[in-house]
Amino acid sequence: MAAVRGILARSGAAPGLLFRVELVLAEVLNNICEHAYGGGAGRVWLKARTEGDALCVTVSDRGLPMPGGDMPDGALPDMDVPCEFQPEGGFGWYLIHSQVDSLDYCRRDGENILGLRFTPRSGA
């Protein structure tokens, strides 16, 4: 994460964009480690390129496919429950969906491929 942040900062990315990219990649990488690789070790490939003012990031791994062959929709867990029953997790995909401008997933040749597109946002 430090390397990615450094590269983006040196390229002149706005602080708000840096924050969004770092936040999303931290969640994506955590999901890969925890779910795709089941808490074990595995390789992750990250590619980034610019398209106009957009930053396009592709993250791929050779872990387990997403359940049902598709990424979660990003809906928030039910919070209309007493405090002691509030969920501790389930917010990651909501966070990812809310911070990117587009998102796509496919499974090809034994690889999970997640595409993320970020564009600058005013004030962020």
N, C-alpha and C. Protein backbone atom coordinates (compact mmCIF):
# COMPACT_ATOMS: atom_id res chain seq x y z
N MET A 1 0.82 -1.19 0.00
CA MET A 1 0.00 0.00 0.00
C MET A 1 0.87 1.25 0.00
N ALA A 2 1.95 1.21 0.74
CA ALA A 2 2.84 2.38 0.80
C ALA A 2 3.43 2.66 -0.58
N ALA A 3 3.80 1.62 -1.30
CA ALA A 3 4.38 1.80 -2.64
C ALA A 3 3.36 2.40 -3.60
N VAL A 4 2.14 1.89 -3.57
CA VAL A 4 1.09 2.42 -4.45
C VAL A 4 0.82 3.87 -4.11
N ARG A 5 0.69 4.16 -2.83
CA ARG A 5 0.43 5.55 -2.42
C ARG A 5 1.57 6.47 -2.87
N GLY A 6 2.81 6.01 -2.71
CA GLY A 6 3.95 6.82 -3.12
C GLY A 6 3.96 7.11 -4.61
N ILE A 7 3.68 6.10 -5.41
CA ILE A 7 3.65 6.27 -6.87
C ILE A 7 2.56 7.27 -7.26
N LEU A 8 1.38 7.12 -6.68
CA LEU A 8 0.28 8.03 -7.01
C LEU A 8 0.57 9.45 -6.54
N ALA A 9 1.14 9.59 -5.35
CA ALA A 9 1.47 10.93 -4.84
C ALA A 9 2.49 11.61 -5.74
N ARG A 10 3.51 10.85 -6.14
CA ARG A 10 4.54 11.44 -7.02
C ARG A 10 3.97 11.80 -8.39
N SER A 11 2.90 11.13 -8.80
CA SER A 11 2.31 11.44 -10.11
C SER A 11 1.38 12.64 -10.03
N GLY A 12 1.18 13.17 -8.82
CA GLY A 12 0.36 14.37 -8.66
C GLY A 12 -1.10 14.11 -8.36
N ALA A 13 -1.45 12.90 -7.96
CA ALA A 13 -2.84 12.59 -7.63
C ALA A 13 -3.31 13.44 -6.45
N ALA A 14 -4.54 13.89 -6.51
CA ALA A 14 -5.12 14.70 -5.44
C ALA A 14 -5.24 13.88 -4.17
N PRO A 15 -5.11 14.52 -3.00
CA PRO A 15 -5.21 13.79 -1.73
C PRO A 15 -6.49 12.98 -1.59
N GLY A 16 -7.62 13.52 -2.03
CA GLY A 16 -8.88 12.78 -1.93
C GLY A 16 -8.87 11.51 -2.76
N LEU A 17 -8.28 11.57 -3.94
CA LEU A 17 -8.17 10.39 -4.79
C LEU A 17 -7.23 9.37 -4.15
N LEU A 18 -6.12 9.85 -3.62
CA LEU A 18 -5.18 8.95 -2.92
C LEU A 18 -5.88 8.21 -1.80
N PHE A 19 -6.66 8.92 -1.02
CA PHE A 19 -7.37 8.31 0.09
C PHE A 19 -8.34 7.23 -0.39
N ARG A 20 -9.13 7.55 -1.42
CA ARG A 20 -10.10 6.59 -1.95
C ARG A 20 -9.43 5.34 -2.49
N VAL A 21 -8.36 5.52 -3.26
CA VAL A 21 -7.65 4.37 -3.83
C VAL A 21 -7.07 3.51 -2.72
N GLU A 22 -6.43 4.13 -1.76
CA GLU A 22 -5.82 3.38 -0.66
C GLU A 22 -6.88 2.63 0.15
N LEU A 23 -7.98 3.28 0.44
CA LEU A 23 -9.06 2.65 1.20
C LEU A 23 -9.63 1.44 0.46
N VAL A 24 -9.91 1.60 -0.82
CA VAL A 24 -10.48 0.51 -1.61
C VAL A 24 -9.49 -0.63 -1.77
N LEU A 25 -8.25 -0.32 -2.09
CA LEU A 25 -7.27 -1.39 -2.27
C LEU A 25 -7.01 -2.15 -0.97
N ALA A 26 -7.01 -1.46 0.15
CA ALA A 26 -6.84 -2.14 1.44
C ALA A 26 -7.97 -3.15 1.65
N GLU A 27 -9.19 -2.76 1.35
CA GLU A 27 -10.34 -3.65 1.52
C GLU A 27 -10.30 -4.81 0.52
N VAL A 28 -9.97 -4.51 -0.73
CA VAL A 28 -9.88 -5.56 -1.76
C VAL A 28 -8.80 -6.57 -1.39
N LEU A 29 -7.63 -6.09 -1.01
CA LEU A 29 -6.53 -7.00 -0.67
C LEU A 29 -6.86 -7.82 0.57
N ASN A 30 -7.52 -7.22 1.54
CA ASN A 30 -7.96 -7.97 2.72
C ASN A 30 -8.93 -9.08 2.32
N ASN A 31 -9.88 -8.77 1.44
CA ASN A 31 -10.84 -9.78 0.98
C ASN A 31 -10.13 -10.91 0.25
N ILE A 32 -9.14 -10.59 -0.55
CA ILE A 32 -8.40 -11.64 -1.27
C ILE A 32 -7.70 -12.55 -0.28
N CYS A 33 -7.00 -11.95 0.68
CA CYS A 33 -6.28 -12.76 1.68
C CYS A 33 -7.23 -13.62 2.49
N GLU A 34 -8.31 -13.01 2.96
CA GLU A 34 -9.22 -13.71 3.86
C GLU A 34 -10.12 -14.72 3.16
N HIS A 35 -10.60 -14.37 1.97
CA HIS A 35 -11.59 -15.22 1.31
C HIS A 35 -11.04 -16.01 0.13
N ALA A 36 -10.38 -15.34 -0.80
CA ALA A 36 -9.88 -16.05 -1.98
C ALA A 36 -8.79 -17.05 -1.61
N TYR A 37 -7.91 -16.65 -0.70
CA TYR A 37 -6.83 -17.53 -0.28
C TYR A 37 -7.09 -18.16 1.09
N GLY A 38 -8.27 -17.96 1.63
CA GLY A 38 -8.66 -18.61 2.88
C GLY A 38 -7.74 -18.33 4.06
N GLY A 39 -7.17 -17.15 4.09
CA GLY A 39 -6.27 -16.80 5.18
C GLY A 39 -4.84 -17.27 4.96
N GLY A 40 -4.60 -17.97 3.86
CA GLY A 40 -3.25 -18.43 3.54
C GLY A 40 -2.54 -17.47 2.60
N ALA A 41 -1.40 -17.89 2.14
CA ALA A 41 -0.59 -17.05 1.25
C ALA A 41 -1.00 -17.26 -0.20
N GLY A 42 -0.77 -16.27 -1.00
CA GLY A 42 -1.03 -16.34 -2.43
C GLY A 42 -0.60 -15.06 -3.10
N ARG A 43 -0.39 -15.15 -4.39
CA ARG A 43 0.04 -13.95 -5.15
C ARG A 43 -1.14 -13.10 -5.55
N VAL A 44 -0.86 -11.81 -5.64
CA VAL A 44 -1.83 -10.83 -6.11
C VAL A 44 -1.11 -9.95 -7.12
N TRP A 45 -1.77 -9.68 -8.23
CA TRP A 45 -1.21 -8.81 -9.26
C TRP A 45 -2.03 -7.54 -9.32
N LEU A 46 -1.34 -6.43 -9.41
CA LEU A 46 -1.99 -5.14 -9.46
C LEU A 46 -1.43 -4.37 -10.66
N LYS A 47 -2.32 -3.89 -11.50
CA LYS A 47 -1.93 -3.07 -12.64
C LYS A 47 -2.72 -1.78 -12.57
N ALA A 48 -2.08 -0.68 -12.93
CA ALA A 48 -2.77 0.61 -12.93
C ALA A 48 -2.38 1.38 -14.17
N ARG A 49 -3.34 2.11 -14.68
CA ARG A 49 -3.09 2.96 -15.84
C ARG A 49 -4.05 4.16 -15.77
N THR A 50 -3.71 5.20 -16.47
CA THR A 50 -4.60 6.35 -16.53
C THR A 50 -5.31 6.35 -17.88
N GLU A 51 -6.53 6.82 -17.85
CA GLU A 51 -7.33 7.05 -19.06
C GLU A 51 -7.93 8.44 -18.90
N GLY A 52 -7.31 9.43 -19.50
CA GLY A 52 -7.74 10.80 -19.27
C GLY A 52 -7.49 11.16 -17.82
N ASP A 53 -8.53 11.62 -17.13
CA ASP A 53 -8.37 11.96 -15.71
C ASP A 53 -8.72 10.79 -14.79
N ALA A 54 -9.04 9.63 -15.37
CA ALA A 54 -9.41 8.45 -14.57
C ALA A 54 -8.19 7.58 -14.29
N LEU A 55 -8.23 6.93 -13.13
CA LEU A 55 -7.24 5.93 -12.77
C LEU A 55 -7.94 4.58 -12.81
N CYS A 56 -7.43 3.67 -13.64
CA CYS A 56 -8.01 2.34 -13.78
C CYS A 56 -7.05 1.34 -13.16
N VAL A 57 -7.56 0.55 -12.23
CA VAL A 57 -6.75 -0.41 -11.49
C VAL A 57 -7.35 -1.80 -11.70
N THR A 58 -6.50 -2.75 -12.01
CA THR A 58 -6.92 -4.14 -12.13
C THR A 58 -6.18 -4.94 -11.07
N VAL A 59 -6.93 -5.70 -10.27
CA VAL A 59 -6.37 -6.54 -9.24
C VAL A 59 -6.76 -7.98 -9.60
N SER A 60 -5.77 -8.87 -9.63
CA SER A 60 -6.09 -10.26 -9.96
C SER A 60 -5.39 -11.20 -8.99
N ASP A 61 -6.00 -12.37 -8.83
CA ASP A 61 -5.45 -13.40 -7.96
C ASP A 61 -5.88 -14.76 -8.50
N ARG A 62 -5.27 -15.81 -7.97
CA ARG A 62 -5.61 -17.17 -8.38
C ARG A 62 -6.28 -17.95 -7.25
N GLY A 63 -6.95 -17.22 -6.38
CA GLY A 63 -7.65 -17.85 -5.26
C GLY A 63 -9.00 -18.38 -5.67
N LEU A 64 -9.81 -18.70 -4.67
CA LEU A 64 -11.16 -19.20 -4.92
C LEU A 64 -11.99 -18.14 -5.62
N PRO A 65 -12.94 -18.56 -6.47
CA PRO A 65 -13.81 -17.57 -7.12
C PRO A 65 -14.78 -16.96 -6.12
N MET A 66 -15.35 -15.85 -6.50
CA MET A 66 -16.36 -15.22 -5.66
C MET A 66 -17.56 -16.15 -5.59
N PRO A 67 -18.22 -16.20 -4.43
CA PRO A 67 -19.41 -17.06 -4.29
C PRO A 67 -20.46 -16.72 -5.35
N GLY A 68 -20.96 -17.74 -6.01
CA GLY A 68 -21.96 -17.52 -7.04
C GLY A 68 -21.41 -16.94 -8.33
N GLY A 69 -20.09 -16.77 -8.40
CA GLY A 69 -19.46 -16.27 -9.62
C GLY A 69 -19.60 -14.78 -9.85
N ASP A 70 -20.06 -14.04 -8.86
CA ASP A 70 -20.21 -12.59 -9.02
C ASP A 70 -19.86 -11.89 -7.73
N MET A 71 -19.46 -10.63 -7.83
CA MET A 71 -19.10 -9.88 -6.63
C MET A 71 -20.37 -9.47 -5.89
N PRO A 72 -20.26 -9.28 -4.59
CA PRO A 72 -21.41 -8.81 -3.81
C PRO A 72 -21.88 -7.44 -4.31
N ASP A 73 -23.17 -7.17 -4.10
CA ASP A 73 -23.76 -5.94 -4.63
C ASP A 73 -23.42 -4.69 -3.84
N GLY A 74 -22.87 -4.82 -2.67
CA GLY A 74 -22.49 -3.64 -1.90
C GLY A 74 -23.58 -3.11 -1.00
N ALA A 75 -24.63 -3.90 -0.78
CA ALA A 75 -25.70 -3.47 0.13
C ALA A 75 -25.19 -3.50 1.56
N LEU A 76 -25.63 -2.54 2.34
CA LEU A 76 -25.27 -2.51 3.76
C LEU A 76 -25.99 -3.61 4.51
N PRO A 77 -25.35 -4.17 5.55
CA PRO A 77 -26.07 -5.15 6.38
C PRO A 77 -27.21 -4.46 7.14
N ASP A 78 -28.15 -5.25 7.60
CA ASP A 78 -29.29 -4.71 8.34
C ASP A 78 -28.80 -4.12 9.66
N MET A 79 -29.02 -2.83 9.81
CA MET A 79 -28.59 -2.13 11.03
C MET A 79 -29.77 -1.85 11.95
N ASP A 80 -30.97 -2.26 11.54
CA ASP A 80 -32.17 -2.00 12.34
C ASP A 80 -32.38 -3.13 13.34
N VAL A 81 -31.34 -3.34 14.15
CA VAL A 81 -31.37 -4.37 15.18
C VAL A 81 -30.77 -3.78 16.46
N PRO A 82 -31.07 -4.35 17.61
CA PRO A 82 -30.47 -3.84 18.85
C PRO A 82 -28.94 -3.82 18.78
N CYS A 83 -28.37 -2.91 19.50
CA CYS A 83 -26.92 -2.69 19.48
C CYS A 83 -26.11 -3.97 19.66
N GLU A 84 -26.53 -4.82 20.58
CA GLU A 84 -25.76 -6.04 20.83
C GLU A 84 -25.79 -7.03 19.66
N PHE A 85 -26.69 -6.80 18.70
CA PHE A 85 -26.77 -7.68 17.54
C PHE A 85 -26.26 -7.00 16.26
N GLN A 86 -25.70 -5.82 16.41
CA GLN A 86 -25.16 -5.11 15.25
C GLN A 86 -24.01 -5.93 14.64
N PRO A 87 -23.94 -5.99 13.31
CA PRO A 87 -22.87 -6.76 12.68
C PRO A 87 -21.51 -6.10 12.85
N GLU A 88 -20.48 -6.92 12.95
CA GLU A 88 -19.11 -6.41 13.03
C GLU A 88 -18.49 -6.29 11.65
N GLY A 89 -19.01 -7.02 10.71
CA GLY A 89 -18.47 -7.00 9.35
C GLY A 89 -19.59 -6.84 8.34
N GLY A 90 -19.22 -7.01 7.08
CA GLY A 90 -20.20 -6.90 6.01
C GLY A 90 -20.28 -5.53 5.39
N PHE A 91 -19.34 -4.66 5.73
CA PHE A 91 -19.36 -3.30 5.21
C PHE A 91 -18.38 -3.09 4.05
N GLY A 92 -17.49 -4.05 3.83
CA GLY A 92 -16.42 -3.89 2.85
C GLY A 92 -16.88 -3.63 1.44
N TRP A 93 -17.81 -4.43 0.96
CA TRP A 93 -18.26 -4.24 -0.43
C TRP A 93 -19.06 -2.96 -0.59
N TYR A 94 -19.78 -2.55 0.44
CA TYR A 94 -20.44 -1.25 0.39
C TYR A 94 -19.39 -0.16 0.24
N LEU A 95 -18.35 -0.23 1.04
CA LEU A 95 -17.27 0.74 0.99
C LEU A 95 -16.63 0.78 -0.40
N ILE A 96 -16.33 -0.38 -0.94
CA ILE A 96 -15.71 -0.45 -2.28
C ILE A 96 -16.63 0.19 -3.31
N HIS A 97 -17.89 -0.24 -3.35
CA HIS A 97 -18.84 0.30 -4.33
C HIS A 97 -18.98 1.81 -4.21
N SER A 98 -18.97 2.33 -2.99
CA SER A 98 -19.20 3.76 -2.79
C SER A 98 -18.02 4.63 -3.17
N GLN A 99 -16.83 4.06 -3.27
CA GLN A 99 -15.64 4.86 -3.52
C GLN A 99 -15.09 4.77 -4.94
N VAL A 100 -15.63 3.87 -5.75
CA VAL A 100 -15.19 3.76 -7.14
C VAL A 100 -16.27 4.30 -8.07
N ASP A 101 -15.86 4.65 -9.28
CA ASP A 101 -16.83 5.14 -10.26
C ASP A 101 -17.36 4.02 -11.13
N SER A 102 -16.60 2.96 -11.26
CA SER A 102 -17.12 1.75 -11.89
C SER A 102 -16.31 0.57 -11.38
N LEU A 103 -16.93 -0.59 -11.48
CA LEU A 103 -16.39 -1.80 -10.88
C LEU A 103 -16.86 -2.99 -11.70
N ASP A 104 -15.95 -3.90 -12.02
CA ASP A 104 -16.37 -5.11 -12.70
C ASP A 104 -15.51 -6.29 -12.26
N TYR A 105 -16.10 -7.47 -12.34
CA TYR A 105 -15.44 -8.69 -11.91
C TYR A 105 -15.68 -9.78 -12.94
N CYS A 106 -14.65 -10.58 -13.16
CA CYS A 106 -14.82 -11.79 -13.96
C CYS A 106 -13.84 -12.84 -13.45
N ARG A 107 -14.15 -14.06 -13.78
CA ARG A 107 -13.27 -15.19 -13.48
C ARG A 107 -12.86 -15.75 -14.83
N ARG A 108 -11.54 -15.76 -15.08
CA ARG A 108 -11.05 -16.22 -16.38
C ARG A 108 -9.77 -17.02 -16.19
N ASP A 109 -9.74 -18.21 -16.74
CA ASP A 109 -8.55 -19.07 -16.70
C ASP A 109 -8.01 -19.25 -15.28
N GLY A 110 -8.93 -19.46 -14.34
CA GLY A 110 -8.53 -19.70 -12.95
C GLY A 110 -8.14 -18.46 -12.18
N GLU A 111 -8.40 -17.28 -12.74
CA GLU A 111 -8.06 -16.04 -12.06
C GLU A 111 -9.30 -15.20 -11.78
N ASN A 112 -9.30 -14.58 -10.61
CA ASN A 112 -10.28 -13.54 -10.30
C ASN A 112 -9.69 -12.24 -10.82
N ILE A 113 -10.48 -11.49 -11.57
CA ILE A 113 -10.02 -10.21 -12.12
C ILE A 113 -11.04 -9.14 -11.72
N LEU A 114 -10.57 -8.18 -10.95
CA LEU A 114 -11.42 -7.09 -10.48
C LEU A 114 -10.92 -5.78 -11.08
N GLY A 115 -11.80 -5.11 -11.79
CA GLY A 115 -11.46 -3.82 -12.39
C GLY A 115 -12.09 -2.69 -11.61
N LEU A 116 -11.29 -1.70 -11.28
CA LEU A 116 -11.73 -0.54 -10.49
C LEU A 116 -11.42 0.73 -11.28
N ARG A 117 -12.35 1.64 -11.34
CA ARG A 117 -12.11 2.92 -12.03
C ARG A 117 -12.42 4.06 -11.06
N PHE A 118 -11.45 4.93 -10.92
CA PHE A 118 -11.57 6.09 -10.04
C PHE A 118 -11.45 7.36 -10.88
N THR A 119 -12.35 8.31 -10.67
CA THR A 119 -12.19 9.63 -11.27
C THR A 119 -12.18 10.66 -10.14
N PRO A 120 -11.51 11.77 -10.37
CA PRO A 120 -11.48 12.80 -9.32
C PRO A 120 -12.90 13.26 -8.99
N ARG A 121 -13.11 13.56 -7.72
CA ARG A 121 -14.41 14.08 -7.25
C ARG A 121 -14.17 15.43 -6.62
N SER A 122 -15.06 16.35 -6.88
CA SER A 122 -14.86 17.68 -6.28
C SER A 122 -14.95 17.58 -4.77
N GLY A 123 -14.01 18.23 -4.12
CA GLY A 123 -13.96 18.22 -2.67
C GLY A 123 -13.40 16.95 -2.06
N ALA A 124 -13.00 15.97 -2.91
CA ALA A 124 -12.48 14.73 -2.35
C ALA A 124 -11.37 14.18 -3.22
